[in-house]
């Protein structure tokens, strides 16, 4: 991988959208629908097809407590868990 964008693109292309969302909220920062939309649109919507599919994934995660809604977007929920690919250190995120 050449840079963080290449690594993030690989994560989005290769991992389940639920695990990607868990990863994107791992730092306790929020992520918004527009930012998520740009990330998935740049990788041709693997696994979900469009923003409506992604919204359904996110809504289900909120219902299960994996994510919570904030004013800025989505954050870790009370039942958040680390995605397996992060636990396994499958991708290199630092130079």
N, C-alpha and C. Protein backbone atom coordinates (compact mmCIF):
# COMPACT_ATOMS: atom_id res chain seq x y z
N UNK A 1 0.84 -1.18 0.00
CA UNK A 1 0.00 0.00 0.00
C UNK A 1 0.89 1.25 0.00
N UNK A 2 0.49 2.24 -0.76
CA UNK A 2 1.30 3.44 -0.88
C UNK A 2 1.03 4.47 0.19
N UNK A 3 -0.22 4.61 0.59
CA UNK A 3 -0.56 5.63 1.58
C UNK A 3 -1.83 5.22 2.32
N UNK A 4 -2.24 6.05 3.24
CA UNK A 4 -3.40 5.72 4.07
C UNK A 4 -4.67 5.59 3.23
N UNK A 5 -4.79 6.40 2.17
CA UNK A 5 -5.98 6.30 1.32
C UNK A 5 -6.03 4.94 0.63
N UNK A 6 -4.88 4.46 0.14
CA UNK A 6 -4.84 3.13 -0.48
C UNK A 6 -5.23 2.05 0.52
N UNK A 7 -4.73 2.17 1.74
CA UNK A 7 -5.05 1.20 2.78
C UNK A 7 -6.54 1.24 3.11
N UNK A 8 -7.08 2.44 3.28
CA UNK A 8 -8.50 2.59 3.58
C UNK A 8 -9.35 2.05 2.44
N UNK A 9 -8.95 2.31 1.21
CA UNK A 9 -9.68 1.78 0.05
C UNK A 9 -9.67 0.25 0.06
N UNK A 10 -8.54 -0.34 0.42
CA UNK A 10 -8.45 -1.80 0.50
C UNK A 10 -9.38 -2.34 1.58
N UNK A 11 -9.45 -1.66 2.72
CA UNK A 11 -10.35 -2.07 3.79
C UNK A 11 -11.80 -2.03 3.29
N UNK A 12 -12.18 -0.95 2.64
CA UNK A 12 -13.56 -0.81 2.16
C UNK A 12 -13.88 -1.86 1.10
N UNK A 13 -12.94 -2.14 0.20
CA UNK A 13 -13.18 -3.14 -0.85
C UNK A 13 -13.22 -4.57 -0.32
N UNK A 14 -12.46 -4.86 0.73
CA UNK A 14 -12.27 -6.24 1.17
C UNK A 14 -13.04 -6.65 2.42
N UNK A 15 -13.54 -5.70 3.18
CA UNK A 15 -14.16 -6.04 4.46
C UNK A 15 -15.66 -5.75 4.45
N UNK A 16 -16.37 -6.45 5.30
CA UNK A 16 -17.80 -6.28 5.46
C UNK A 16 -18.10 -4.84 5.89
N UNK A 17 -19.14 -4.20 5.32
CA UNK A 17 -19.45 -2.81 5.68
C UNK A 17 -19.62 -2.58 7.19
N UNK A 18 -20.18 -3.55 7.89
CA UNK A 18 -20.32 -3.40 9.35
C UNK A 18 -18.95 -3.28 10.00
N UNK A 19 -18.00 -4.10 9.60
CA UNK A 19 -16.66 -4.02 10.17
C UNK A 19 -15.96 -2.72 9.78
N UNK A 20 -16.22 -2.24 8.57
CA UNK A 20 -15.65 -0.96 8.15
C UNK A 20 -16.17 0.16 9.05
N UNK A 21 -17.47 0.15 9.33
CA UNK A 21 -18.04 1.19 10.19
C UNK A 21 -17.48 1.09 11.61
N UNK A 22 -17.29 -0.11 12.11
CA UNK A 22 -16.67 -0.26 13.43
C UNK A 22 -15.26 0.32 13.42
N UNK A 23 -14.53 0.07 12.35
CA UNK A 23 -13.18 0.61 12.21
C UNK A 23 -13.20 2.13 12.15
N UNK A 24 -14.10 2.70 11.36
CA UNK A 24 -14.15 4.15 11.20
C UNK A 24 -14.53 4.88 12.49
N UNK A 25 -15.16 4.20 13.41
CA UNK A 25 -15.53 4.82 14.68
C UNK A 25 -14.60 4.39 15.83
N UNK A 26 -13.55 3.66 15.53
CA UNK A 26 -12.66 3.13 16.56
C UNK A 26 -11.94 4.20 17.37
N UNK A 27 -11.72 5.36 16.80
CA UNK A 27 -10.94 6.40 17.47
C UNK A 27 -11.78 7.32 18.36
N UNK A 28 -13.04 6.98 18.54
CA UNK A 28 -13.97 7.81 19.32
C UNK A 28 -14.30 9.13 18.63
N UNK A 29 -13.96 9.24 17.36
CA UNK A 29 -14.38 10.40 16.57
C UNK A 29 -15.63 10.03 15.81
N UNK A 30 -16.40 11.03 15.47
CA UNK A 30 -17.63 10.75 14.71
C UNK A 30 -17.31 10.72 13.22
N UNK A 31 -18.18 10.05 12.49
CA UNK A 31 -18.11 10.04 11.03
C UNK A 31 -19.51 10.30 10.51
N UNK A 32 -19.62 11.14 9.50
CA UNK A 32 -20.91 11.57 8.97
C UNK A 32 -21.29 10.79 7.72
N UNK A 33 -22.59 10.81 7.39
CA UNK A 33 -23.06 10.18 6.16
C UNK A 33 -22.30 10.70 4.93
N UNK A 34 -22.12 12.04 4.78
CA UNK A 34 -21.40 12.50 3.58
C UNK A 34 -19.98 11.94 3.47
N UNK A 35 -19.28 11.85 4.56
CA UNK A 35 -17.92 11.31 4.52
C UNK A 35 -17.94 9.81 4.19
N UNK A 36 -18.86 9.09 4.79
CA UNK A 36 -19.00 7.66 4.51
C UNK A 36 -19.37 7.46 3.05
N UNK A 37 -20.29 8.27 2.56
CA UNK A 37 -20.71 8.20 1.16
C UNK A 37 -19.52 8.39 0.22
N UNK A 38 -18.68 9.38 0.48
CA UNK A 38 -17.50 9.63 -0.36
C UNK A 38 -16.55 8.44 -0.33
N UNK A 39 -16.32 7.86 0.85
CA UNK A 39 -15.42 6.72 0.95
C UNK A 39 -15.92 5.54 0.13
N UNK A 40 -17.20 5.24 0.25
CA UNK A 40 -17.76 4.10 -0.49
C UNK A 40 -17.91 4.41 -1.97
N UNK A 41 -18.30 5.61 -2.33
CA UNK A 41 -18.44 5.96 -3.75
C UNK A 41 -17.09 5.88 -4.46
N UNK A 42 -16.01 6.21 -3.77
CA UNK A 42 -14.69 6.16 -4.39
C UNK A 42 -14.20 4.73 -4.63
N UNK A 43 -14.86 3.76 -4.04
CA UNK A 43 -14.48 2.35 -4.23
C UNK A 43 -15.60 1.56 -4.91
N UNK A 44 -16.51 2.25 -5.57
CA UNK A 44 -17.59 1.62 -6.35
C UNK A 44 -18.57 0.79 -5.53
N UNK A 45 -18.82 1.15 -4.30
CA UNK A 45 -19.87 0.57 -3.47
C UNK A 45 -19.79 -0.95 -3.32
N UNK A 46 -18.66 -1.48 -2.92
CA UNK A 46 -18.60 -2.94 -2.75
C UNK A 46 -19.58 -3.41 -1.66
N UNK A 47 -20.20 -4.54 -1.87
CA UNK A 47 -21.08 -5.23 -0.93
C UNK A 47 -22.47 -4.61 -0.75
N UNK A 48 -22.62 -3.31 -1.00
CA UNK A 48 -23.91 -2.70 -0.66
C UNK A 48 -24.60 -2.00 -1.81
N UNK A 49 -23.91 -1.59 -2.83
CA UNK A 49 -24.54 -1.03 -4.02
C UNK A 49 -24.80 0.46 -4.03
N UNK A 50 -25.23 1.06 -2.91
CA UNK A 50 -25.54 2.49 -2.91
C UNK A 50 -25.70 3.01 -1.48
N UNK A 51 -25.92 4.30 -1.37
CA UNK A 51 -26.00 4.95 -0.05
C UNK A 51 -27.19 4.42 0.75
N UNK A 52 -28.29 4.07 0.09
CA UNK A 52 -29.44 3.54 0.83
C UNK A 52 -29.09 2.22 1.51
N UNK A 53 -28.34 1.38 0.82
CA UNK A 53 -27.90 0.12 1.43
C UNK A 53 -27.00 0.37 2.61
N UNK A 54 -26.12 1.33 2.47
CA UNK A 54 -25.22 1.67 3.57
C UNK A 54 -25.99 2.25 4.75
N UNK A 55 -26.97 3.07 4.47
CA UNK A 55 -27.79 3.64 5.54
C UNK A 55 -28.52 2.54 6.32
N UNK A 56 -28.98 1.52 5.62
CA UNK A 56 -29.65 0.39 6.30
C UNK A 56 -28.67 -0.35 7.21
N UNK A 57 -27.44 -0.54 6.73
CA UNK A 57 -26.41 -1.18 7.56
C UNK A 57 -26.18 -0.36 8.82
N UNK A 58 -26.00 0.94 8.65
CA UNK A 58 -25.72 1.83 9.79
C UNK A 58 -26.91 1.88 10.74
N UNK A 59 -28.11 2.00 10.21
CA UNK A 59 -29.30 2.03 11.08
C UNK A 59 -29.40 0.74 11.90
N UNK A 60 -29.14 -0.40 11.28
CA UNK A 60 -29.16 -1.67 12.01
C UNK A 60 -28.11 -1.71 13.10
N UNK A 61 -26.94 -1.15 12.81
CA UNK A 61 -25.87 -1.12 13.81
C UNK A 61 -26.26 -0.22 14.98
N UNK A 62 -26.95 0.87 14.69
CA UNK A 62 -27.42 1.75 15.77
C UNK A 62 -28.48 1.04 16.60
N UNK A 63 -29.37 0.32 15.94
CA UNK A 63 -30.42 -0.43 16.66
C UNK A 63 -29.81 -1.46 17.61
N UNK A 64 -28.69 -2.07 17.21
CA UNK A 64 -28.02 -3.08 18.04
C UNK A 64 -27.02 -2.49 19.01
N UNK A 65 -26.83 -1.19 19.01
CA UNK A 65 -25.92 -0.55 19.95
C UNK A 65 -24.47 -0.60 19.54
N UNK A 66 -24.17 -1.02 18.32
CA UNK A 66 -22.78 -1.03 17.85
C UNK A 66 -22.31 0.39 17.55
N UNK A 67 -23.23 1.21 17.06
CA UNK A 67 -22.98 2.63 16.80
C UNK A 67 -24.03 3.45 17.52
N UNK A 68 -23.70 4.71 17.76
CA UNK A 68 -24.66 5.67 18.31
C UNK A 68 -24.65 6.91 17.43
N UNK A 69 -25.78 7.58 17.38
CA UNK A 69 -25.87 8.83 16.62
C UNK A 69 -25.37 9.98 17.49
N UNK A 70 -24.66 10.90 16.83
CA UNK A 70 -24.25 12.13 17.50
C UNK A 70 -24.62 13.29 16.57
N UNK A 71 -24.44 14.51 17.04
CA UNK A 71 -24.74 15.67 16.19
C UNK A 71 -23.88 15.69 14.94
N UNK A 72 -22.67 15.16 15.02
CA UNK A 72 -21.74 15.17 13.90
C UNK A 72 -21.85 13.92 13.01
N UNK A 73 -22.56 12.91 13.44
CA UNK A 73 -22.67 11.68 12.64
C UNK A 73 -22.84 10.46 13.52
N UNK A 74 -21.87 9.55 13.46
CA UNK A 74 -21.95 8.30 14.19
C UNK A 74 -20.68 8.08 14.98
N UNK A 75 -20.84 7.50 16.17
CA UNK A 75 -19.73 7.21 17.08
C UNK A 75 -19.91 5.80 17.63
N UNK A 76 -18.93 5.37 18.40
CA UNK A 76 -19.03 4.06 19.05
C UNK A 76 -20.29 3.99 19.89
N UNK A 77 -20.97 2.85 19.80
CA UNK A 77 -22.14 2.62 20.64
C UNK A 77 -21.75 1.81 21.86
N UNK A 78 -22.69 1.57 22.76
CA UNK A 78 -22.40 0.84 23.99
C UNK A 78 -21.97 -0.62 23.75
N UNK A 79 -22.31 -1.18 22.59
CA UNK A 79 -21.94 -2.56 22.28
C UNK A 79 -20.88 -2.64 21.18
N UNK A 80 -20.18 -1.53 20.96
CA UNK A 80 -19.12 -1.49 19.94
C UNK A 80 -18.10 -2.58 20.23
N UNK A 81 -17.55 -3.14 19.18
CA UNK A 81 -16.48 -4.12 19.32
C UNK A 81 -15.44 -3.85 18.24
N UNK A 82 -14.24 -4.26 18.50
CA UNK A 82 -13.18 -4.08 17.50
C UNK A 82 -13.38 -5.07 16.36
N UNK A 83 -13.31 -4.60 15.11
CA UNK A 83 -13.45 -5.54 14.00
C UNK A 83 -12.27 -6.52 13.95
N UNK A 84 -12.54 -7.73 13.49
CA UNK A 84 -11.52 -8.77 13.50
C UNK A 84 -10.29 -8.38 12.68
N UNK A 85 -10.47 -7.73 11.54
CA UNK A 85 -9.30 -7.38 10.73
C UNK A 85 -8.37 -6.41 11.46
N UNK A 86 -8.92 -5.60 12.36
CA UNK A 86 -8.09 -4.70 13.15
C UNK A 86 -7.36 -5.47 14.25
N UNK A 87 -8.06 -6.38 14.90
CA UNK A 87 -7.45 -7.23 15.92
C UNK A 87 -6.31 -8.04 15.33
N UNK A 88 -6.52 -8.54 14.12
CA UNK A 88 -5.51 -9.36 13.45
C UNK A 88 -4.36 -8.54 12.83
N UNK A 89 -4.51 -7.21 12.84
CA UNK A 89 -3.51 -6.32 12.22
C UNK A 89 -3.31 -6.68 10.74
N UNK A 90 -4.42 -6.89 10.06
CA UNK A 90 -4.41 -7.31 8.66
C UNK A 90 -3.87 -6.22 7.74
N UNK A 91 -4.04 -4.96 8.11
CA UNK A 91 -3.61 -3.83 7.28
C UNK A 91 -2.61 -2.98 8.05
N UNK A 92 -1.70 -2.35 7.32
CA UNK A 92 -0.73 -1.45 7.94
C UNK A 92 -1.26 -0.02 7.76
N UNK A 93 -1.45 0.68 8.88
CA UNK A 93 -2.01 2.03 8.85
C UNK A 93 -0.99 3.11 9.13
N UNK A 94 0.19 2.76 9.54
CA UNK A 94 1.22 3.76 9.84
C UNK A 94 2.44 3.48 8.96
N UNK A 95 3.18 4.55 8.61
CA UNK A 95 4.38 4.36 7.78
C UNK A 95 5.44 3.55 8.49
